[in-house]
């Protein structure tokens, strides 16, 4: 299983790249968010879509090692459930 390491700046510019990289994942999705300092709205939307797609395919969606900034951004956007394994709320 490949782990996709997320960059420091997950702003709008990175959203297209993130979407392409996630589309290339044929099975489980594992992301390492340890380096993330900024999470923008477009990348958040891509992550939401990736999680829903993974669950629809009965695949795993996992975010490992989230940085404090990444976690705070998810809290602000109401997306901390992305850090949980299992079904979507």
PDB file of N, CA and C in Angstrom:
ATOM      1  N   UNK A   1       0.850  -1.182   0.000  1.00  0.00           N
ATOM      2  CA  UNK A   1       0.000   0.000   0.000  1.00  0.00           C
ATOM      3  C   UNK A   1       0.887   1.234   0.000  1.00  0.00           C
ATOM      4  N   UNK A   2       0.703   2.107  -0.969  1.00  0.00           N
ATOM      5  CA  UNK A   2       1.480   3.338  -1.070  1.00  0.00           C
ATOM      6  C   UNK A   2       0.889   4.406  -0.158  1.00  0.00           C
ATOM      7  N   UNK A   3       1.767   5.185   0.432  1.00  0.00           N
ATOM      8  CA  UNK A   3       1.354   6.297   1.278  1.00  0.00           C
ATOM      9  C   UNK A   3       1.663   7.583   0.529  1.00  0.00           C
ATOM     10  N   UNK A   4       0.653   8.421   0.370  1.00  0.00           N
ATOM     11  CA  UNK A   4       0.823   9.708  -0.288  1.00  0.00           C
ATOM     12  C   UNK A   4       1.158  10.747   0.777  1.00  0.00           C
ATOM     13  N   UNK A   5       2.341  11.344   0.684  1.00  0.00           N
ATOM     14  CA  UNK A   5       2.758  12.375   1.637  1.00  0.00           C
ATOM     15  C   UNK A   5       2.236  13.722   1.157  1.00  0.00           C
ATOM     16  N   UNK A   6       1.441  14.357   1.988  1.00  0.00           N
ATOM     17  CA  UNK A   6       0.849  15.639   1.635  1.00  0.00           C
ATOM     18  C   UNK A   6       1.857  16.764   1.862  1.00  0.00           C
ATOM     19  N   UNK A   7       1.801  17.823   1.041  1.00  0.00           N
ATOM     20  CA  UNK A   7       2.762  18.918   1.158  1.00  0.00           C
ATOM     21  C   UNK A   7       2.413  19.882   2.285  1.00  0.00           C
ATOM     22  N   UNK A   8       3.337  20.790   2.540  1.00  0.00           N
ATOM     23  CA  UNK A   8       3.147  21.801   3.573  1.00  0.00           C
ATOM     24  C   UNK A   8       1.957  22.706   3.258  1.00  0.00           C
ATOM     25  N   UNK A   9       1.839  23.130   2.003  1.00  0.00           N
ATOM     26  CA  UNK A   9       0.775  24.048   1.598  1.00  0.00           C
ATOM     27  C   UNK A   9      -0.245  23.313   0.735  1.00  0.00           C
ATOM     28  N   UNK A  10      -1.396  23.038   1.318  1.00  0.00           N
ATOM     29  CA  UNK A  10      -2.485  22.393   0.589  1.00  0.00           C
ATOM     30  C   UNK A  10      -3.525  23.439   0.193  1.00  0.00           C
ATOM     31  N   UNK A  11      -3.056  24.437  -0.550  1.00  0.00           N
ATOM     32  CA  UNK A  11      -3.925  25.499  -1.029  1.00  0.00           C
ATOM     33  C   UNK A  11      -4.618  25.109  -2.323  1.00  0.00           C
ATOM     34  N   UNK A  12      -5.311  26.072  -2.912  1.00  0.00           N
ATOM     35  CA  UNK A  12      -6.088  25.849  -4.128  1.00  0.00           C
ATOM     36  C   UNK A  12      -5.236  25.306  -5.270  1.00  0.00           C
ATOM     37  N   UNK A  13      -4.015  25.790  -5.400  1.00  0.00           N
ATOM     38  CA  UNK A  13      -3.141  25.353  -6.489  1.00  0.00           C
ATOM     39  C   UNK A  13      -2.881  23.853  -6.420  1.00  0.00           C
ATOM     40  N   UNK A  14      -2.761  23.301  -5.221  1.00  0.00           N
ATOM     41  CA  UNK A  14      -2.469  21.880  -5.056  1.00  0.00           C
ATOM     42  C   UNK A  14      -3.703  21.001  -5.246  1.00  0.00           C
ATOM     43  N   UNK A  15      -4.888  21.558  -5.211  1.00  0.00           N
ATOM     44  CA  UNK A  15      -6.120  20.757  -5.265  1.00  0.00           C
ATOM     45  C   UNK A  15      -6.203  19.890  -6.522  1.00  0.00           C
ATOM     46  N   UNK A  16      -5.819  20.424  -7.672  1.00  0.00           N
ATOM     47  CA  UNK A  16      -5.878  19.658  -8.922  1.00  0.00           C
ATOM     48  C   UNK A  16      -4.897  18.489  -8.873  1.00  0.00           C
ATOM     49  N   UNK A  17      -3.689  18.748  -8.381  1.00  0.00           N
ATOM     50  CA  UNK A  17      -2.682  17.691  -8.246  1.00  0.00           C
ATOM     51  C   UNK A  17      -3.163  16.612  -7.289  1.00  0.00           C
ATOM     52  N   UNK A  18      -3.727  17.033  -6.160  1.00  0.00           N
ATOM     53  CA  UNK A  18      -4.238  16.084  -5.174  1.00  0.00           C
ATOM     54  C   UNK A  18      -5.324  15.207  -5.786  1.00  0.00           C
ATOM     55  N   UNK A  19      -6.237  15.819  -6.505  1.00  0.00           N
ATOM     56  CA  UNK A  19      -7.318  15.071  -7.147  1.00  0.00           C
ATOM     57  C   UNK A  19      -6.754  14.031  -8.117  1.00  0.00           C
ATOM     58  N   UNK A  20      -5.792  14.425  -8.926  1.00  0.00           N
ATOM     59  CA  UNK A  20      -5.185  13.494  -9.881  1.00  0.00           C
ATOM     60  C   UNK A  20      -4.484  12.346  -9.165  1.00  0.00           C
ATOM     61  N   UNK A  21      -3.733  12.668  -8.111  1.00  0.00           N
ATOM     62  CA  UNK A  21      -3.010  11.628  -7.377  1.00  0.00           C
ATOM     63  C   UNK A  21      -3.968  10.652  -6.697  1.00  0.00           C
ATOM     64  N   UNK A  22      -5.065  11.160  -6.166  1.00  0.00           N
ATOM     65  CA  UNK A  22      -6.036  10.284  -5.513  1.00  0.00           C
ATOM     66  C   UNK A  22      -6.775   9.412  -6.526  1.00  0.00           C
ATOM     67  N   UNK A  23      -7.026   9.942  -7.702  1.00  0.00           N
ATOM     68  CA  UNK A  23      -7.689   9.151  -8.750  1.00  0.00           C
ATOM     69  C   UNK A  23      -6.822   7.979  -9.195  1.00  0.00           C
ATOM     70  N   UNK A  24      -5.514   8.124  -9.066  1.00  0.00           N
ATOM     71  CA  UNK A  24      -4.589   7.056  -9.453  1.00  0.00           C
ATOM     72  C   UNK A  24      -4.536   5.928  -8.424  1.00  0.00           C
ATOM     73  N   UNK A  25      -5.083   6.149  -7.230  1.00  0.00           N
ATOM     74  CA  UNK A  25      -5.103   5.116  -6.197  1.00  0.00           C
ATOM     75  C   UNK A  25      -6.199   4.115  -6.540  1.00  0.00           C
ATOM     76  N   UNK A  26      -5.810   2.874  -6.767  1.00  0.00           N
ATOM     77  CA  UNK A  26      -6.793   1.878  -7.190  1.00  0.00           C
ATOM     78  C   UNK A  26      -7.458   1.159  -6.019  1.00  0.00           C
ATOM     79  N   UNK A  27      -6.829   1.204  -4.857  1.00  0.00           N
ATOM     80  CA  UNK A  27      -7.411   0.511  -3.704  1.00  0.00           C
ATOM     81  C   UNK A  27      -7.471   1.465  -2.519  1.00  0.00           C
ATOM     82  N   UNK A  28      -6.921   1.036  -1.408  1.00  0.00           N
ATOM     83  CA  UNK A  28      -6.957   1.842  -0.192  1.00  0.00           C
ATOM     84  C   UNK A  28      -6.195   3.155  -0.372  1.00  0.00           C
ATOM     85  N   UNK A  29      -6.662   4.177   0.341  1.00  0.00           N
ATOM     86  CA  UNK A  29      -6.016   5.488   0.305  1.00  0.00           C
ATOM     87  C   UNK A  29      -5.420   5.758   1.679  1.00  0.00           C
ATOM     88  N   UNK A  30      -4.112   5.972   1.713  1.00  0.00           N
ATOM     89  CA  UNK A  30      -3.425   6.324   2.949  1.00  0.00           C
ATOM     90  C   UNK A  30      -2.640   7.601   2.701  1.00  0.00           C
ATOM     91  N   UNK A  31      -2.917   8.608   3.522  1.00  0.00           N
ATOM     92  CA  UNK A  31      -2.277   9.910   3.392  1.00  0.00           C
ATOM     93  C   UNK A  31      -1.476  10.215   4.650  1.00  0.00           C
ATOM     94  N   UNK A  32      -0.291  10.797   4.475  1.00  0.00           N
ATOM     95  CA  UNK A  32       0.504  11.259   5.605  1.00  0.00           C
ATOM     96  C   UNK A  32       0.406  12.775   5.627  1.00  0.00           C
ATOM     97  N   UNK A  33      -0.198  13.320   6.679  1.00  0.00           N
ATOM     98  CA  UNK A  33      -0.428  14.759   6.786  1.00  0.00           C
ATOM     99  C   UNK A  33       0.514  15.418   7.785  1.00  0.00           C
ATOM    100  N   UNK A  34       1.643  14.788   8.063  1.00  0.00           N
ATOM    101  CA  UNK A  34       2.574  15.290   9.061  1.00  0.00           C
ATOM    102  C   UNK A  34       3.247  16.599   8.718  1.00  0.00           C
ATOM    103  N   UNK A  35       3.352  16.931   7.432  1.00  0.00           N
ATOM    104  CA  UNK A  35       4.041  18.157   7.012  1.00  0.00           C
ATOM    105  C   UNK A  35       3.093  19.317   6.741  1.00  0.00           C
ATOM    106  N   UNK A  36       1.801  19.073   6.776  1.00  0.00           N
ATOM    107  CA  UNK A  36       0.824  20.089   6.376  1.00  0.00           C
ATOM    108  C   UNK A  36       0.789  21.249   7.371  1.00  0.00           C
ATOM    109  N   UNK A  37       0.973  22.450   6.830  1.00  0.00           N
ATOM    110  CA  UNK A  37       0.872  23.678   7.627  1.00  0.00           C
ATOM    111  C   UNK A  37      -0.389  24.460   7.270  1.00  0.00           C
ATOM    112  N   UNK A  38      -0.924  24.221   6.050  1.00  0.00           N
ATOM    113  CA  UNK A  38      -2.107  24.953   5.594  1.00  0.00           C
ATOM    114  C   UNK A  38      -2.994  24.027   4.777  1.00  0.00           C
ATOM    115  N   UNK A  39      -4.266  23.977   5.130  1.00  0.00           N
ATOM    116  CA  UNK A  39      -5.266  23.202   4.395  1.00  0.00           C
ATOM    117  C   UNK A  39      -6.346  24.152   3.911  1.00  0.00           C
ATOM    118  N   UNK A  40      -6.436  24.302   2.597  1.00  0.00           N
ATOM    119  CA  UNK A  40      -7.439  25.179   2.012  1.00  0.00           C
ATOM    120  C   UNK A  40      -8.747  24.453   1.742  1.00  0.00           C
ATOM    121  N   UNK A  41      -9.760  25.229   1.436  1.00  0.00           N
ATOM    122  CA  UNK A  41     -11.094  24.692   1.212  1.00  0.00           C
ATOM    123  C   UNK A  41     -11.202  23.728   0.050  1.00  0.00           C
ATOM    124  N   UNK A  42     -10.522  24.013  -1.063  1.00  0.00           N
ATOM    125  CA  UNK A  42     -10.601  23.127  -2.232  1.00  0.00           C
ATOM    126  C   UNK A  42      -9.985  21.765  -1.932  1.00  0.00           C
ATOM    127  N   UNK A  43      -8.836  21.755  -1.249  1.00  0.00           N
ATOM    128  CA  UNK A  43      -8.219  20.470  -0.888  1.00  0.00           C
ATOM    129  C   UNK A  43      -9.084  19.727   0.121  1.00  0.00           C
ATOM    130  N   UNK A  44      -9.725  20.455   1.019  1.00  0.00           N
ATOM    131  CA  UNK A  44     -10.651  19.830   1.965  1.00  0.00           C
ATOM    132  C   UNK A  44     -11.775  19.127   1.204  1.00  0.00           C
ATOM    133  N   UNK A  45     -12.325  19.801   0.185  1.00  0.00           N
ATOM    134  CA  UNK A  45     -13.386  19.200  -0.620  1.00  0.00           C
ATOM    135  C   UNK A  45     -12.899  17.941  -1.339  1.00  0.00           C
ATOM    136  N   UNK A  46     -11.661  17.970  -1.835  1.00  0.00           N
ATOM    137  CA  UNK A  46     -11.098  16.794  -2.508  1.00  0.00           C
ATOM    138  C   UNK A  46     -10.966  15.639  -1.518  1.00  0.00           C
ATOM    139  N   UNK A  47     -10.527  15.938  -0.290  1.00  0.00           N
ATOM    140  CA  UNK A  47     -10.405  14.897   0.734  1.00  0.00           C
ATOM    141  C   UNK A  47     -11.769  14.305   1.083  1.00  0.00           C
ATOM    142  N   UNK A  48     -12.781  15.157   1.193  1.00  0.00           N
ATOM    143  CA  UNK A  48     -14.142  14.666   1.462  1.00  0.00           C
ATOM    144  C   UNK A  48     -14.603  13.714   0.360  1.00  0.00           C
ATOM    145  N   UNK A  49     -14.391  14.122  -0.874  1.00  0.00           N
ATOM    146  CA  UNK A  49     -14.787  13.295  -2.011  1.00  0.00           C
ATOM    147  C   UNK A  49     -14.023  11.975  -2.032  1.00  0.00           C
ATOM    148  N   UNK A  50     -12.733  12.034  -1.739  1.00  0.00           N
ATOM    149  CA  UNK A  50     -11.910  10.814  -1.728  1.00  0.00           C
ATOM    150  C   UNK A  50     -12.389   9.839  -0.663  1.00  0.00           C
ATOM    151  N   UNK A  51     -12.754  10.371   0.508  1.00  0.00           N
ATOM    152  CA  UNK A  51     -13.241   9.491   1.570  1.00  0.00           C
ATOM    153  C   UNK A  51     -14.559   8.828   1.159  1.00  0.00           C
ATOM    154  N   UNK A  52     -15.467   9.605   0.600  1.00  0.00           N
ATOM    155  CA  UNK A  52     -16.753   9.040   0.177  1.00  0.00           C
ATOM    156  C   UNK A  52     -16.564   7.999  -0.922  1.00  0.00           C
ATOM    157  N   UNK A  53     -15.675   8.283  -1.857  1.00  0.00           N
ATOM    158  CA  UNK A  53     -15.394   7.331  -2.933  1.00  0.00           C
ATOM    159  C   UNK A  53     -14.797   6.043  -2.382  1.00  0.00           C
ATOM    160  N   UNK A  54     -13.858   6.174  -1.458  1.00  0.00           N
ATOM    161  CA  UNK A  54     -13.232   4.989  -0.852  1.00  0.00           C
ATOM    162  C   UNK A  54     -14.271   4.131  -0.143  1.00  0.00           C
ATOM    163  N   UNK A  55     -15.155   4.765   0.602  1.00  0.00           N
ATOM    164  CA  UNK A  55     -16.181   3.999   1.309  1.00  0.00           C
ATOM    165  C   UNK A  55     -17.161   3.344   0.334  1.00  0.00           C
ATOM    166  N   UNK A  56     -17.485   4.036  -0.753  1.00  0.00           N
ATOM    167  CA  UNK A  56     -18.382   3.449  -1.753  1.00  0.00           C
ATOM    168  C   UNK A  56     -17.744   2.225  -2.407  1.00  0.00           C
ATOM    169  N   UNK A  57     -16.435   2.242  -2.533  1.00  0.00           N
ATOM    170  CA  UNK A  57     -15.701   1.110  -3.116  1.00  0.00           C
ATOM    171  C   UNK A  57     -15.345   0.054  -2.072  1.00  0.00           C
ATOM    172  N   UNK A  58     -15.755   0.307  -0.850  1.00  0.00           N
ATOM    173  CA  UNK A  58     -15.420  -0.557   0.287  1.00  0.00           C
ATOM    174  C   UNK A  58     -13.908  -0.662   0.460  1.00  0.00           C
ATOM    175  N   UNK A  59     -13.239   0.468   0.254  1.00  0.00           N
ATOM    176  CA  UNK A  59     -11.801   0.584   0.457  1.00  0.00           C
ATOM    177  C   UNK A  59     -11.550   1.412   1.706  1.00  0.00           C
ATOM    178  N   UNK A  60     -10.314   1.410   2.121  1.00  0.00           N
ATOM    179  CA  UNK A  60      -9.931   2.131   3.331  1.00  0.00           C
ATOM    180  C   UNK A  60      -9.439   3.531   2.983  1.00  0.00           C
ATOM    181  N   UNK A  61      -9.801   4.509   3.812  1.00  0.00           N
ATOM    182  CA  UNK A  61      -9.325   5.884   3.702  1.00  0.00           C
ATOM    183  C   UNK A  61      -8.721   6.231   5.050  1.00  0.00           C
ATOM    184  N   UNK A  62      -7.433   6.517   5.062  1.00  0.00           N
ATOM    185  CA  UNK A  62      -6.734   6.756   6.319  1.00  0.00           C
ATOM    186  C   UNK A  62      -5.802   7.949   6.194  1.00  0.00           C
ATOM    187  N   UNK A  63      -5.881   8.853   7.168  1.00  0.00           N
ATOM    188  CA  UNK A  63      -4.939   9.969   7.258  1.00  0.00           C
ATOM    189  C   UNK A  63      -4.055   9.697   8.459  1.00  0.00           C
ATOM    190  N   UNK A  64      -2.764   9.524   8.195  1.00  0.00           N
ATOM    191  CA  UNK A  64      -1.796   9.233   9.252  1.00  0.00           C
ATOM    192  C   UNK A  64      -1.054  10.498   9.669  1.00  0.00           C
ATOM    193  N   UNK A  65      -0.618  10.510  10.929  1.00  0.00           N
ATOM    194  CA  UNK A  65       0.311  11.517  11.422  1.00  0.00           C
ATOM    195  C   UNK A  65      -0.128  12.953  11.128  1.00  0.00           C
ATOM    196  N   UNK A  66      -1.373  13.333  11.400  1.00  0.00           N
ATOM    197  CA  UNK A  66      -1.804  14.692  11.066  1.00  0.00           C
ATOM    198  C   UNK A  66      -1.070  15.733  11.914  1.00  0.00           C
ATOM    199  N   UNK A  67      -0.594  16.780  11.258  1.00  0.00           N
ATOM    200  CA  UNK A  67       0.056  17.870  11.986  1.00  0.00           C
ATOM    201  C   UNK A  67      -0.991  18.626  12.800  1.00  0.00           C
ATOM    202  N   UNK A  68      -0.534  19.415  13.747  1.00  0.00           N
ATOM    203  CA  UNK A  68      -1.453  20.221  14.562  1.00  0.00           C
ATOM    204  C   UNK A  68      -2.225  21.200  13.683  1.00  0.00           C
ATOM    205  N   UNK A  69      -1.554  21.779  12.689  1.00  0.00           N
ATOM    206  CA  UNK A  69      -2.205  22.739  11.794  1.00  0.00           C
ATOM    207  C   UNK A  69      -3.268  22.060  10.928  1.00  0.00           C
ATOM    208  N   UNK A  70      -2.972  20.864  10.465  1.00  0.00           N
ATOM    209  CA  UNK A  70      -3.931  20.108   9.663  1.00  0.00           C
ATOM    210  C   UNK A  70      -5.163  19.779  10.506  1.00  0.00           C
ATOM    211  N   UNK A  71      -4.927  19.301  11.714  1.00  0.00           N
ATOM    212  CA  UNK A  71      -6.027  18.958  12.620  1.00  0.00           C
ATOM    213  C   UNK A  71      -6.865  20.184  12.948  1.00  0.00           C
ATOM    214  N   UNK A  72      -6.208  21.315  13.206  1.00  0.00           N
ATOM    215  CA  UNK A  72      -6.928  22.559  13.515  1.00  0.00           C
ATOM    216  C   UNK A  72      -7.786  22.994  12.328  1.00  0.00           C
ATOM    217  N   UNK A  73      -7.238  22.895  11.121  1.00  0.00           N
ATOM    218  CA  UNK A  73      -8.008  23.263   9.930  1.00  0.00           C
ATOM    219  C   UNK A  73      -9.231  22.360   9.777  1.00  0.00           C
ATOM    220  N   UNK A  74      -9.061  21.071  10.021  1.00  0.00           N
ATOM    221  CA  UNK A  74     -10.209  20.155   9.953  1.00  0.00           C
ATOM    222  C   UNK A  74     -11.255  20.510  11.002  1.00  0.00           C
ATOM    223  N   UNK A  75     -10.800  20.871  12.203  1.00  0.00           N
ATOM    224  CA  UNK A  75     -11.742  21.281  13.251  1.00  0.00           C
ATOM    225  C   UNK A  75     -12.515  22.514  12.813  1.00  0.00           C
ATOM    226  N   UNK A  76     -11.831  23.480  12.231  1.00  0.00           N
ATOM    227  CA  UNK A  76     -12.466  24.714  11.777  1.00  0.00           C
ATOM    228  C   UNK A  76     -13.507  24.440  10.691  1.00  0.00           C
ATOM    229  N   UNK A  77     -13.210  23.486   9.806  1.00  0.00           N
ATOM    230  CA  UNK A  77     -14.107  23.172   8.691  1.00  0.00           C
ATOM    231  C   UNK A  77     -15.125  22.084   9.026  1.00  0.00           C
ATOM    232  N   UNK A  78     -15.088  21.577  10.250  1.00  0.00           N
ATOM    233  CA  UNK A  78     -16.027  20.526  10.643  1.00  0.00           C
ATOM    234  C   UNK A  78     -15.697  19.176  10.042  1.00  0.00           C
ATOM    235  N   UNK A  79     -14.414  18.923   9.804  1.00  0.00           N
ATOM    236  CA  UNK A  79     -14.041  17.693   9.130  1.00  0.00           C
ATOM    237  C   UNK A  79     -13.163  16.749   9.920  1.00  0.00           C
ATOM    238  N   UNK A  80     -13.200  16.835  11.245  1.00  0.00           N
ATOM    239  CA  UNK A  80     -12.339  15.946  12.036  1.00  0.00           C
ATOM    240  C   UNK A  80     -12.699  14.472  11.853  1.00  0.00           C
ATOM    241  N   UNK A  81     -13.900  14.195  11.379  1.00  0.00           N
ATOM    242  CA  UNK A  81     -14.288  12.799  11.126  1.00  0.00           C
ATOM    243  C   UNK A  81     -13.397  12.161  10.059  1.00  0.00           C
ATOM    244  N   UNK A  82     -12.719  12.972   9.256  1.00  0.00           N
ATOM    245  CA  UNK A  82     -11.793  12.422   8.261  1.00  0.00           C
ATOM    246  C   UNK A  82     -10.614  11.708   8.915  1.00  0.00           C
ATOM    247  N   UNK A  83     -10.349  12.029  10.171  1.00  0.00           N
ATOM    248  CA  UNK A  83      -9.240  11.403  10.889  1.00  0.00           C
ATOM    249  C   UNK A  83      -9.625  10.062  11.493  1.00  0.00           C
ATOM    250  N   UNK A  84     -10.906   9.731  11.448  1.00  0.00           N
ATOM    251  CA  UNK A  84     -11.386   8.481  12.035  1.00  0.00           C
ATOM    252  C   UNK A  84     -11.458   7.399  10.970  1.00  0.00           C
ATOM    253  N   UNK A  85     -11.086   6.195  11.348  1.00  0.00           N
ATOM    254  CA  UNK A  85     -11.284   5.061  10.451  1.00  0.00           C
ATOM    255  C   UNK A  85     -12.713   4.576  10.637  1.00  0.00           C
ATOM    256  N   UNK A  86     -13.272   4.030   9.593  1.00  0.00           N
ATOM    257  CA  UNK A  86     -14.622   3.489   9.698  1.00  0.00           C
ATOM    258  C   UNK A  86     -15.576   4.236   8.808  1.00  0.00           C
ATOM    259  N   UNK A  87     -16.850   4.126   9.118  1.00  0.00           N
ATOM    260  CA  UNK A  87     -17.883   4.718   8.283  1.00  0.00           C
ATOM    261  C   UNK A  87     -17.936   6.222   8.449  1.00  0.00           C
ATOM    262  N   UNK A  88     -18.413   6.901   7.419  1.00  0.00           N
ATOM    263  CA  UNK A  88     -18.628   8.335   7.489  1.00  0.00           C
ATOM    264  C   UNK A  88     -19.819   8.608   8.390  1.00  0.00           C
ATOM    265  N   UNK A  89     -19.840   9.786   9.007  1.00  0.00           N
ATOM    266  CA  UNK A  89     -20.953  10.104   9.918  1.00  0.00           C
ATOM    267  C   UNK A  89     -22.274  10.276   9.186  1.00  0.00           C
TER     268      UNK A  89
END
